[in-house]
Amino acid sequence: MEKAKGKVKHVVLVKFKDEASGEQIEQIIKDYTSLVNLIEPIKSLEWGKDLRMTNLNQGFTHVFESIFENVEGVAEYGTHPAHLELKDRFLALLDKILVLDYELATLNP
């Protein structure tokens, strides 16, 4: 497998547990998005909630997208103490999660 050489996007799709309160969800989103200020390899972080425009979301309700300069940045993020602390609290609120990492590609006109 060829190692990615360019920027990497880290995509996290989640479905919160039915018993997770709105306040808990708001706080975990606030804490998650604050990682961009705590972990240097994160170049950008965006999030959003599914608009339910199709029935293809397989139950996922929220998406978080981060961009890193390279795979080494993703690895550093994965072991950073701020990420590890949040990870346990985040996972406790989730019914399901899907994580994808991919190298950003552009089309050459």
N, C-alpha and C. Protein backbone atom coordinates (compact mmCIF):
# COMPACT_ATOMS: atom_id res chain seq x y z
N MET A 1 0.83 -1.18 0.00
CA MET A 1 0.00 0.00 0.00
C MET A 1 0.88 1.24 0.00
N GLU A 2 0.60 2.16 -0.91
CA GLU A 2 1.38 3.38 -1.01
C GLU A 2 1.01 4.35 0.10
N LYS A 3 2.02 4.94 0.69
CA LYS A 3 1.80 5.90 1.77
C LYS A 3 1.36 7.24 1.19
N ALA A 4 0.36 7.84 1.82
CA ALA A 4 -0.14 9.14 1.37
C ALA A 4 0.96 10.18 1.50
N LYS A 5 1.07 11.05 0.50
CA LYS A 5 2.13 12.06 0.49
C LYS A 5 1.58 13.48 0.68
N GLY A 6 0.27 13.64 0.55
CA GLY A 6 -0.31 14.98 0.62
C GLY A 6 -1.19 15.16 1.84
N LYS A 7 -2.02 16.18 1.75
CA LYS A 7 -2.95 16.47 2.84
C LYS A 7 -3.92 15.31 3.02
N VAL A 8 -4.33 15.11 4.27
CA VAL A 8 -5.22 14.00 4.62
C VAL A 8 -6.47 14.55 5.28
N LYS A 9 -7.62 14.06 4.84
CA LYS A 9 -8.89 14.42 5.47
C LYS A 9 -9.30 13.27 6.39
N HIS A 10 -9.69 13.63 7.60
CA HIS A 10 -10.14 12.69 8.64
C HIS A 10 -11.63 12.96 8.82
N VAL A 11 -12.46 11.99 8.44
CA VAL A 11 -13.91 12.15 8.48
C VAL A 11 -14.49 11.21 9.53
N VAL A 12 -15.31 11.76 10.41
CA VAL A 12 -15.94 10.99 11.47
C VAL A 12 -17.45 11.17 11.35
N LEU A 13 -18.17 10.09 11.11
CA LEU A 13 -19.63 10.10 11.09
C LEU A 13 -20.12 9.45 12.37
N VAL A 14 -21.11 10.06 13.02
CA VAL A 14 -21.58 9.50 14.29
C VAL A 14 -23.10 9.53 14.37
N LYS A 15 -23.60 8.65 15.21
CA LYS A 15 -24.99 8.66 15.64
C LYS A 15 -24.95 8.63 17.16
N PHE A 16 -25.49 9.67 17.78
CA PHE A 16 -25.51 9.72 19.23
C PHE A 16 -26.57 8.77 19.78
N LYS A 17 -26.33 8.27 20.98
CA LYS A 17 -27.32 7.42 21.65
C LYS A 17 -28.59 8.22 21.89
N ASP A 18 -29.71 7.53 21.85
CA ASP A 18 -31.00 8.20 22.09
C ASP A 18 -31.04 8.87 23.46
N GLU A 19 -30.38 8.28 24.43
CA GLU A 19 -30.40 8.84 25.79
C GLU A 19 -29.41 9.99 26.00
N ALA A 20 -28.58 10.30 25.00
CA ALA A 20 -27.67 11.44 25.11
C ALA A 20 -28.51 12.73 25.06
N SER A 21 -28.34 13.58 26.05
CA SER A 21 -29.13 14.81 26.11
C SER A 21 -28.58 15.84 25.12
N GLY A 22 -29.42 16.80 24.79
CA GLY A 22 -28.98 17.89 23.92
C GLY A 22 -27.80 18.64 24.50
N GLU A 23 -27.80 18.82 25.80
CA GLU A 23 -26.70 19.52 26.46
C GLU A 23 -25.40 18.71 26.36
N GLN A 24 -25.49 17.38 26.54
CA GLN A 24 -24.30 16.55 26.41
C GLN A 24 -23.75 16.61 24.99
N ILE A 25 -24.63 16.56 24.00
CA ILE A 25 -24.21 16.61 22.60
C ILE A 25 -23.57 17.96 22.30
N GLU A 26 -24.19 19.05 22.73
CA GLU A 26 -23.62 20.38 22.51
C GLU A 26 -22.24 20.51 23.14
N GLN A 27 -22.08 19.98 24.35
CA GLN A 27 -20.79 20.10 25.05
C GLN A 27 -19.72 19.27 24.35
N ILE A 28 -20.05 18.07 23.91
CA ILE A 28 -19.04 17.23 23.26
C ILE A 28 -18.64 17.82 21.91
N ILE A 29 -19.60 18.44 21.20
CA ILE A 29 -19.27 19.11 19.94
C ILE A 29 -18.34 20.29 20.21
N LYS A 30 -18.64 21.07 21.24
CA LYS A 30 -17.78 22.19 21.62
C LYS A 30 -16.37 21.71 21.96
N ASP A 31 -16.29 20.63 22.73
CA ASP A 31 -14.98 20.08 23.12
C ASP A 31 -14.24 19.52 21.90
N TYR A 32 -14.97 18.83 21.02
CA TYR A 32 -14.35 18.26 19.82
C TYR A 32 -13.78 19.37 18.94
N THR A 33 -14.59 20.40 18.68
CA THR A 33 -14.13 21.46 17.79
C THR A 33 -13.01 22.30 18.40
N SER A 34 -12.88 22.28 19.72
CA SER A 34 -11.78 23.02 20.36
C SER A 34 -10.43 22.34 20.13
N LEU A 35 -10.44 21.08 19.67
CA LEU A 35 -9.17 20.39 19.42
C LEU A 35 -8.32 21.10 18.38
N VAL A 36 -8.96 21.82 17.45
CA VAL A 36 -8.20 22.53 16.42
C VAL A 36 -7.27 23.57 17.04
N ASN A 37 -7.61 24.07 18.21
CA ASN A 37 -6.76 25.04 18.91
C ASN A 37 -5.76 24.38 19.85
N LEU A 38 -5.90 23.10 20.09
CA LEU A 38 -5.05 22.39 21.04
C LEU A 38 -4.04 21.46 20.39
N ILE A 39 -4.34 21.00 19.18
CA ILE A 39 -3.49 20.01 18.52
C ILE A 39 -2.99 20.60 17.21
N GLU A 40 -1.72 20.96 17.17
CA GLU A 40 -1.13 21.70 16.05
C GLU A 40 -1.33 21.05 14.68
N PRO A 41 -1.22 19.72 14.54
CA PRO A 41 -1.36 19.14 13.20
C PRO A 41 -2.74 19.30 12.57
N ILE A 42 -3.77 19.64 13.35
CA ILE A 42 -5.09 19.86 12.75
C ILE A 42 -5.07 21.24 12.07
N LYS A 43 -5.19 21.23 10.75
CA LYS A 43 -5.15 22.48 9.98
C LYS A 43 -6.53 23.12 9.89
N SER A 44 -7.57 22.31 9.88
CA SER A 44 -8.94 22.84 9.90
C SER A 44 -9.86 21.77 10.44
N LEU A 45 -11.01 22.21 10.96
CA LEU A 45 -12.00 21.29 11.49
C LEU A 45 -13.37 21.90 11.28
N GLU A 46 -14.24 21.14 10.64
CA GLU A 46 -15.62 21.56 10.41
C GLU A 46 -16.55 20.45 10.87
N TRP A 47 -17.76 20.82 11.18
CA TRP A 47 -18.74 19.81 11.56
C TRP A 47 -20.11 20.26 11.10
N GLY A 48 -21.02 19.31 11.06
CA GLY A 48 -22.39 19.64 10.70
C GLY A 48 -23.32 18.50 11.06
N LYS A 49 -24.60 18.79 10.95
CA LYS A 49 -25.65 17.82 11.26
C LYS A 49 -26.36 17.45 9.96
N ASP A 50 -26.69 16.18 9.81
CA ASP A 50 -27.37 15.71 8.62
C ASP A 50 -28.68 16.46 8.42
N LEU A 51 -28.93 16.89 7.20
CA LEU A 51 -30.14 17.64 6.88
C LEU A 51 -31.33 16.73 6.58
N ARG A 52 -31.10 15.44 6.55
CA ARG A 52 -32.14 14.43 6.30
C ARG A 52 -32.86 14.67 4.98
N MET A 53 -32.09 15.00 3.98
CA MET A 53 -32.66 15.24 2.65
C MET A 53 -32.85 13.95 1.87
N THR A 54 -32.12 12.91 2.28
CA THR A 54 -32.28 11.59 1.67
C THR A 54 -32.41 10.58 2.79
N ASN A 55 -32.73 9.38 2.44
CA ASN A 55 -32.82 8.31 3.43
C ASN A 55 -31.59 7.40 3.32
N LEU A 56 -30.44 7.98 3.03
CA LEU A 56 -29.23 7.19 2.80
C LEU A 56 -28.19 7.37 3.90
N ASN A 57 -28.54 8.01 5.00
CA ASN A 57 -27.56 8.32 6.05
C ASN A 57 -27.27 7.14 6.98
N GLN A 58 -27.98 6.04 6.84
CA GLN A 58 -27.78 4.84 7.66
C GLN A 58 -27.80 5.14 9.15
N GLY A 59 -28.54 6.17 9.54
CA GLY A 59 -28.69 6.51 10.95
C GLY A 59 -27.67 7.50 11.47
N PHE A 60 -26.63 7.80 10.71
CA PHE A 60 -25.63 8.78 11.15
C PHE A 60 -26.27 10.17 11.15
N THR A 61 -25.97 10.94 12.18
CA THR A 61 -26.62 12.24 12.34
C THR A 61 -25.65 13.43 12.26
N HIS A 62 -24.39 13.21 12.56
CA HIS A 62 -23.41 14.29 12.60
C HIS A 62 -22.13 13.87 11.86
N VAL A 63 -21.44 14.86 11.31
CA VAL A 63 -20.16 14.61 10.64
C VAL A 63 -19.14 15.63 11.14
N PHE A 64 -17.92 15.17 11.32
CA PHE A 64 -16.79 16.01 11.71
C PHE A 64 -15.68 15.76 10.70
N GLU A 65 -15.15 16.84 10.11
CA GLU A 65 -14.10 16.71 9.10
C GLU A 65 -12.90 17.56 9.51
N SER A 66 -11.75 16.91 9.54
CA SER A 66 -10.50 17.59 9.86
C SER A 66 -9.54 17.40 8.71
N ILE A 67 -8.68 18.40 8.50
CA ILE A 67 -7.63 18.29 7.49
C ILE A 67 -6.29 18.39 8.19
N PHE A 68 -5.39 17.49 7.76
CA PHE A 68 -4.02 17.43 8.27
C PHE A 68 -3.06 17.57 7.09
N GLU A 69 -1.87 18.10 7.34
CA GLU A 69 -0.87 18.26 6.28
C GLU A 69 -0.42 16.92 5.71
N ASN A 70 -0.40 15.88 6.56
CA ASN A 70 0.11 14.57 6.13
C ASN A 70 -0.33 13.48 7.11
N VAL A 71 -0.01 12.24 6.79
CA VAL A 71 -0.41 11.12 7.65
C VAL A 71 0.27 11.17 9.00
N GLU A 72 1.47 11.74 9.06
CA GLU A 72 2.15 11.87 10.34
C GLU A 72 1.36 12.77 11.28
N GLY A 73 0.72 13.80 10.73
CA GLY A 73 -0.12 14.68 11.55
C GLY A 73 -1.32 13.95 12.11
N VAL A 74 -1.92 13.07 11.31
CA VAL A 74 -3.05 12.27 11.79
C VAL A 74 -2.59 11.36 12.92
N ALA A 75 -1.42 10.75 12.76
CA ALA A 75 -0.88 9.87 13.80
C ALA A 75 -0.61 10.64 15.09
N GLU A 76 -0.06 11.84 14.97
CA GLU A 76 0.21 12.67 16.15
C GLU A 76 -1.10 13.04 16.85
N TYR A 77 -2.11 13.39 16.08
CA TYR A 77 -3.44 13.68 16.61
C TYR A 77 -3.99 12.48 17.38
N GLY A 78 -3.84 11.30 16.82
CA GLY A 78 -4.39 10.09 17.42
C GLY A 78 -3.82 9.76 18.79
N THR A 79 -2.62 10.22 19.06
CA THR A 79 -1.99 9.92 20.35
C THR A 79 -1.90 11.13 21.27
N HIS A 80 -2.40 12.26 20.83
CA HIS A 80 -2.33 13.49 21.63
C HIS A 80 -3.21 13.34 22.88
N PRO A 81 -2.73 13.76 24.05
CA PRO A 81 -3.50 13.63 25.29
C PRO A 81 -4.89 14.28 25.24
N ALA A 82 -5.02 15.42 24.58
CA ALA A 82 -6.33 16.09 24.50
C ALA A 82 -7.31 15.24 23.69
N HIS A 83 -6.83 14.61 22.63
CA HIS A 83 -7.68 13.73 21.83
C HIS A 83 -8.06 12.48 22.62
N LEU A 84 -7.11 11.90 23.30
CA LEU A 84 -7.38 10.67 24.06
C LEU A 84 -8.39 10.92 25.18
N GLU A 85 -8.29 12.07 25.84
CA GLU A 85 -9.23 12.40 26.91
C GLU A 85 -10.64 12.58 26.34
N LEU A 86 -10.76 13.27 25.24
CA LEU A 86 -12.05 13.50 24.62
C LEU A 86 -12.63 12.21 24.06
N LYS A 87 -11.78 11.38 23.50
CA LYS A 87 -12.23 10.14 22.84
C LYS A 87 -13.10 9.29 23.76
N ASP A 88 -12.69 9.09 24.98
CA ASP A 88 -13.46 8.25 25.91
C ASP A 88 -14.84 8.85 26.21
N ARG A 89 -14.89 10.17 26.44
CA ARG A 89 -16.17 10.83 26.70
C ARG A 89 -17.06 10.83 25.46
N PHE A 90 -16.45 11.02 24.30
CA PHE A 90 -17.18 11.05 23.04
C PHE A 90 -17.80 9.69 22.74
N LEU A 91 -16.97 8.64 22.81
CA LEU A 91 -17.46 7.29 22.51
C LEU A 91 -18.58 6.85 23.45
N ALA A 92 -18.55 7.31 24.69
CA ALA A 92 -19.58 6.94 25.66
C ALA A 92 -20.96 7.46 25.25
N LEU A 93 -21.02 8.50 24.42
CA LEU A 93 -22.29 9.08 23.98
C LEU A 93 -22.79 8.53 22.65
N LEU A 94 -21.98 7.65 22.01
CA LEU A 94 -22.30 7.24 20.66
C LEU A 94 -22.97 5.88 20.56
N ASP A 95 -23.91 5.80 19.64
CA ASP A 95 -24.55 4.55 19.27
C ASP A 95 -23.72 3.87 18.19
N LYS A 96 -23.20 4.69 17.22
CA LYS A 96 -22.33 4.14 16.20
C LYS A 96 -21.43 5.23 15.64
N ILE A 97 -20.32 4.77 15.03
CA ILE A 97 -19.30 5.68 14.51
C ILE A 97 -18.66 5.05 13.28
N LEU A 98 -18.28 5.89 12.34
CA LEU A 98 -17.54 5.48 11.16
C LEU A 98 -16.44 6.50 10.94
N VAL A 99 -15.20 6.04 10.78
CA VAL A 99 -14.07 6.94 10.61
C VAL A 99 -13.35 6.59 9.31
N LEU A 100 -13.08 7.60 8.49
CA LEU A 100 -12.34 7.43 7.25
C LEU A 100 -11.22 8.45 7.19
N ASP A 101 -10.06 8.01 6.72
CA ASP A 101 -8.94 8.91 6.46
C ASP A 101 -8.55 8.72 5.00
N TYR A 102 -8.44 9.82 4.27
CA TYR A 102 -8.03 9.70 2.87
C TYR A 102 -7.20 10.89 2.45
N GLU A 103 -6.33 10.62 1.47
CA GLU A 103 -5.50 11.68 0.92
C GLU A 103 -6.35 12.52 -0.03
N LEU A 104 -6.28 13.83 0.12
CA LEU A 104 -7.02 14.72 -0.75
C LEU A 104 -6.43 14.67 -2.15
N ALA A 105 -7.30 14.53 -3.12
CA ALA A 105 -6.88 14.49 -4.51
C ALA A 105 -7.59 15.61 -5.26
N THR A 106 -6.94 16.13 -6.26
CA THR A 106 -7.56 17.15 -7.10
C THR A 106 -7.54 16.67 -8.54
N LEU A 107 -8.51 17.10 -9.28
CA LEU A 107 -8.57 16.77 -10.70
C LEU A 107 -7.72 17.78 -11.46
N ASN A 108 -6.96 17.27 -12.39
CA ASN A 108 -6.18 18.16 -13.25
C ASN A 108 -7.00 18.44 -14.50
N PRO A 109 -7.31 19.73 -14.74
CA PRO A 109 -8.15 20.07 -15.91
C PRO A 109 -7.44 19.78 -17.22
